[in-house]
């Protein structure tokens, strides 16, 4: 019994030292599908400056992940790379 408790204590890791899991960025076909859905929904304009989108398109979070936003389509928009900085 005593050995089990000691083993459990050694395996415990403080939560502060565990990095949160980050999902990978969408690539290839998945990214293209997301861009296509956002273009259909919002049109071909930057969400922030409303100018037409060119080749410098990025997928932006309306509410940042760090502030409780998610990766669902309702929280994503297309923007110029420089407009969301």
N, C-alpha and C. Protein backbone atom coordinates (compact mmCIF):
# COMPACT_ATOMS: atom_id res chain seq x y z
N UNK A 1 0.82 -1.19 0.00
CA UNK A 1 0.00 0.00 0.00
C UNK A 1 0.87 1.25 0.00
N UNK A 2 1.87 1.28 0.83
CA UNK A 2 2.74 2.44 0.93
C UNK A 2 3.47 2.69 -0.39
N UNK A 3 3.90 1.64 -1.07
CA UNK A 3 4.61 1.79 -2.33
C UNK A 3 3.73 2.42 -3.40
N UNK A 4 2.46 2.06 -3.42
CA UNK A 4 1.54 2.65 -4.41
C UNK A 4 1.38 4.15 -4.21
N UNK A 5 1.25 4.58 -2.98
CA UNK A 5 1.10 6.01 -2.70
C UNK A 5 2.35 6.78 -3.13
N UNK A 6 3.51 6.23 -2.83
CA UNK A 6 4.74 6.90 -3.20
C UNK A 6 4.88 6.99 -4.72
N UNK A 7 4.50 5.93 -5.43
CA UNK A 7 4.58 5.94 -6.89
C UNK A 7 3.63 6.98 -7.46
N UNK A 8 2.44 7.09 -6.89
CA UNK A 8 1.47 8.08 -7.37
C UNK A 8 1.99 9.49 -7.13
N UNK A 9 2.65 9.71 -6.03
CA UNK A 9 3.19 11.03 -5.73
C UNK A 9 4.29 11.41 -6.71
N UNK A 10 5.13 10.46 -7.10
CA UNK A 10 6.20 10.75 -8.04
C UNK A 10 5.67 11.07 -9.43
N UNK A 11 4.55 10.51 -9.83
CA UNK A 11 4.00 10.71 -11.15
C UNK A 11 3.23 12.03 -11.28
N UNK A 12 2.84 12.61 -10.17
CA UNK A 12 2.06 13.85 -10.22
C UNK A 12 2.92 14.98 -10.78
N UNK A 13 2.34 15.75 -11.69
CA UNK A 13 3.02 16.88 -12.31
C UNK A 13 2.20 18.12 -12.01
N UNK A 14 2.82 19.19 -11.54
CA UNK A 14 2.06 20.41 -11.26
C UNK A 14 1.41 20.94 -12.54
N UNK A 15 0.17 21.35 -12.44
CA UNK A 15 -0.57 21.83 -13.62
C UNK A 15 0.08 23.06 -14.25
N UNK A 16 0.73 23.88 -13.47
CA UNK A 16 1.35 25.08 -14.00
C UNK A 16 2.46 24.75 -14.99
N UNK A 17 3.07 23.57 -14.87
CA UNK A 17 4.17 23.22 -15.76
C UNK A 17 3.72 22.52 -17.04
N UNK A 18 2.44 22.22 -17.15
CA UNK A 18 1.91 21.53 -18.33
C UNK A 18 1.45 22.57 -19.34
N UNK A 19 2.01 22.51 -20.55
CA UNK A 19 1.60 23.46 -21.59
C UNK A 19 0.28 23.02 -22.18
N UNK A 20 -0.62 23.97 -22.48
CA UNK A 20 -1.90 23.59 -23.09
C UNK A 20 -1.69 23.07 -24.50
N UNK A 21 -2.54 22.15 -24.91
CA UNK A 21 -2.47 21.56 -26.24
C UNK A 21 -2.96 22.58 -27.25
N UNK A 22 -2.22 22.75 -28.34
CA UNK A 22 -2.61 23.67 -29.40
C UNK A 22 -2.88 22.86 -30.66
N UNK A 23 -4.06 23.03 -31.26
CA UNK A 23 -4.32 22.30 -32.50
C UNK A 23 -3.45 22.85 -33.63
N UNK A 24 -3.13 21.99 -34.58
CA UNK A 24 -2.32 22.40 -35.72
C UNK A 24 -3.13 23.33 -36.62
N UNK A 25 -2.44 24.19 -37.33
CA UNK A 25 -3.12 25.07 -38.28
C UNK A 25 -3.64 24.24 -39.44
N UNK A 26 -4.81 24.62 -39.96
CA UNK A 26 -5.33 23.86 -41.10
C UNK A 26 -4.45 24.03 -42.33
N UNK A 27 -4.23 22.96 -43.06
CA UNK A 27 -3.35 23.00 -44.22
C UNK A 27 -4.05 22.39 -45.43
N UNK A 28 -3.60 22.78 -46.59
CA UNK A 28 -4.03 22.17 -47.83
C UNK A 28 -5.52 22.24 -48.08
N UNK A 29 -6.13 21.08 -48.28
CA UNK A 29 -7.55 21.01 -48.64
C UNK A 29 -8.45 21.55 -47.54
N UNK A 30 -8.09 21.32 -46.30
CA UNK A 30 -8.92 21.80 -45.18
C UNK A 30 -8.92 23.32 -45.15
N UNK A 31 -7.74 23.93 -45.30
CA UNK A 31 -7.65 25.39 -45.31
C UNK A 31 -8.42 25.97 -46.50
N UNK A 32 -8.29 25.34 -47.66
CA UNK A 32 -9.01 25.81 -48.85
C UNK A 32 -10.51 25.74 -48.64
N UNK A 33 -10.98 24.69 -47.99
CA UNK A 33 -12.42 24.54 -47.72
C UNK A 33 -12.90 25.63 -46.76
N UNK A 34 -12.10 25.94 -45.74
CA UNK A 34 -12.48 26.99 -44.79
C UNK A 34 -12.53 28.34 -45.49
N UNK A 35 -11.52 28.64 -46.31
CA UNK A 35 -11.50 29.91 -47.04
C UNK A 35 -12.71 30.00 -47.96
N UNK A 36 -13.04 28.92 -48.64
CA UNK A 36 -14.20 28.91 -49.54
C UNK A 36 -15.50 29.18 -48.78
N UNK A 37 -15.68 28.54 -47.64
CA UNK A 37 -16.88 28.77 -46.83
C UNK A 37 -16.95 30.23 -46.33
N UNK A 38 -15.82 30.77 -45.92
CA UNK A 38 -15.81 32.16 -45.43
C UNK A 38 -16.05 33.14 -46.57
N UNK A 39 -15.52 32.86 -47.77
CA UNK A 39 -15.78 33.72 -48.92
C UNK A 39 -17.26 33.71 -49.29
N UNK A 40 -17.88 32.54 -49.24
CA UNK A 40 -19.32 32.44 -49.53
C UNK A 40 -20.14 33.22 -48.51
N UNK A 41 -19.73 33.15 -47.25
CA UNK A 41 -20.48 33.80 -46.19
C UNK A 41 -20.28 35.31 -46.18
N UNK A 42 -19.02 35.77 -46.27
CA UNK A 42 -18.70 37.18 -46.06
C UNK A 42 -18.40 37.96 -47.33
N UNK A 43 -18.17 37.28 -48.42
CA UNK A 43 -17.77 37.96 -49.65
C UNK A 43 -16.26 38.15 -49.69
N UNK A 44 -15.75 38.64 -50.82
CA UNK A 44 -14.29 38.73 -51.00
C UNK A 44 -13.67 40.01 -50.46
N UNK A 45 -14.03 40.42 -49.26
CA UNK A 45 -13.48 41.64 -48.67
C UNK A 45 -12.87 41.35 -47.31
N UNK A 46 -11.88 42.14 -46.95
CA UNK A 46 -11.22 42.02 -45.65
C UNK A 46 -12.24 42.36 -44.55
N UNK A 47 -12.25 41.57 -43.51
CA UNK A 47 -13.20 41.80 -42.41
C UNK A 47 -12.94 43.14 -41.72
N UNK A 48 -11.68 43.58 -41.65
CA UNK A 48 -11.34 44.78 -40.90
C UNK A 48 -11.38 46.05 -41.73
N UNK A 49 -10.77 46.06 -42.91
CA UNK A 49 -10.71 47.31 -43.68
C UNK A 49 -11.72 47.35 -44.83
N UNK A 50 -12.35 46.24 -45.12
CA UNK A 50 -13.39 46.10 -46.15
C UNK A 50 -12.86 46.29 -47.58
N UNK A 51 -11.53 46.36 -47.78
CA UNK A 51 -10.98 46.40 -49.13
C UNK A 51 -11.00 45.00 -49.72
N UNK A 52 -10.97 44.87 -51.05
CA UNK A 52 -10.96 43.54 -51.66
C UNK A 52 -9.73 42.73 -51.24
N UNK A 53 -9.93 41.44 -51.07
CA UNK A 53 -8.85 40.55 -50.68
C UNK A 53 -7.96 40.25 -51.88
N UNK A 54 -6.68 40.13 -51.65
CA UNK A 54 -5.73 39.75 -52.69
C UNK A 54 -5.11 38.41 -52.32
N UNK A 55 -3.83 38.29 -52.58
CA UNK A 55 -3.14 37.04 -52.29
C UNK A 55 -2.65 36.97 -50.84
N UNK A 56 -2.72 38.08 -50.11
CA UNK A 56 -2.24 38.12 -48.72
C UNK A 56 -3.36 37.82 -47.72
N UNK A 57 -4.13 36.79 -47.99
CA UNK A 57 -5.29 36.45 -47.16
C UNK A 57 -4.85 35.60 -45.97
N UNK A 58 -5.41 35.90 -44.81
CA UNK A 58 -5.21 35.06 -43.64
C UNK A 58 -6.56 34.81 -42.97
N UNK A 59 -6.64 33.69 -42.28
CA UNK A 59 -7.85 33.35 -41.53
C UNK A 59 -7.64 33.88 -40.12
N UNK A 60 -8.52 34.76 -39.68
CA UNK A 60 -8.37 35.42 -38.38
C UNK A 60 -9.48 35.01 -37.43
N UNK A 61 -9.17 35.01 -36.14
CA UNK A 61 -10.17 34.77 -35.11
C UNK A 61 -10.78 36.11 -34.71
N UNK A 62 -12.08 36.20 -34.70
CA UNK A 62 -12.74 37.43 -34.26
C UNK A 62 -12.57 37.61 -32.77
N UNK A 63 -12.78 36.55 -32.02
CA UNK A 63 -12.49 36.55 -30.58
C UNK A 63 -11.30 35.62 -30.39
N UNK A 64 -10.17 36.13 -29.91
CA UNK A 64 -8.96 35.31 -29.80
C UNK A 64 -9.16 34.06 -28.96
N UNK A 65 -8.39 33.03 -29.30
CA UNK A 65 -8.45 31.79 -28.53
C UNK A 65 -8.06 32.05 -27.08
N UNK A 66 -7.14 32.97 -26.86
CA UNK A 66 -6.69 33.29 -25.50
C UNK A 66 -7.77 33.95 -24.66
N UNK A 67 -8.81 34.46 -25.32
CA UNK A 67 -9.92 35.10 -24.60
C UNK A 67 -11.21 34.30 -24.68
N UNK A 68 -11.06 33.01 -24.95
CA UNK A 68 -12.22 32.13 -24.93
C UNK A 68 -12.88 31.89 -26.26
N UNK A 69 -12.33 32.42 -27.34
CA UNK A 69 -12.88 32.17 -28.67
C UNK A 69 -12.58 30.75 -29.13
N UNK A 70 -13.32 30.30 -30.12
CA UNK A 70 -13.13 28.95 -30.61
C UNK A 70 -12.68 28.93 -32.06
N UNK A 71 -12.54 27.74 -32.61
CA UNK A 71 -12.16 27.57 -34.00
C UNK A 71 -13.35 27.30 -34.90
N UNK A 72 -14.56 27.56 -34.43
CA UNK A 72 -15.74 27.35 -35.26
C UNK A 72 -15.87 28.48 -36.28
N UNK A 73 -16.61 28.24 -37.35
CA UNK A 73 -16.71 29.21 -38.44
C UNK A 73 -17.31 30.54 -38.00
N UNK A 74 -18.14 30.54 -36.98
CA UNK A 74 -18.73 31.78 -36.48
C UNK A 74 -17.69 32.72 -35.90
N UNK A 75 -16.53 32.19 -35.51
CA UNK A 75 -15.49 32.99 -34.91
C UNK A 75 -14.33 33.26 -35.87
N UNK A 76 -14.46 32.87 -37.13
CA UNK A 76 -13.39 33.06 -38.11
C UNK A 76 -13.80 34.06 -39.18
N UNK A 77 -12.83 34.78 -39.70
CA UNK A 77 -13.06 35.74 -40.79
C UNK A 77 -11.78 35.82 -41.62
N UNK A 78 -11.94 36.28 -42.85
CA UNK A 78 -10.79 36.49 -43.74
C UNK A 78 -10.34 37.93 -43.65
N UNK A 79 -9.03 38.14 -43.64
CA UNK A 79 -8.49 39.49 -43.56
C UNK A 79 -7.13 39.54 -44.25
N UNK A 80 -6.69 40.77 -44.56
CA UNK A 80 -5.32 40.94 -45.03
C UNK A 80 -4.39 40.63 -43.87
N UNK A 81 -3.22 40.12 -44.17
CA UNK A 81 -2.27 39.75 -43.10
C UNK A 81 -1.95 40.95 -42.21
N UNK A 82 -1.82 42.13 -42.77
CA UNK A 82 -1.44 43.30 -42.00
C UNK A 82 -2.57 43.95 -41.23
N UNK A 83 -3.80 43.64 -41.54
CA UNK A 83 -4.93 44.31 -40.91
C UNK A 83 -5.23 43.84 -39.49
N UNK A 84 -4.78 42.68 -39.11
CA UNK A 84 -5.12 42.16 -37.80
C UNK A 84 -3.97 42.27 -36.81
N UNK A 85 -2.95 43.02 -37.15
CA UNK A 85 -1.80 43.15 -36.24
C UNK A 85 -1.97 44.28 -35.29
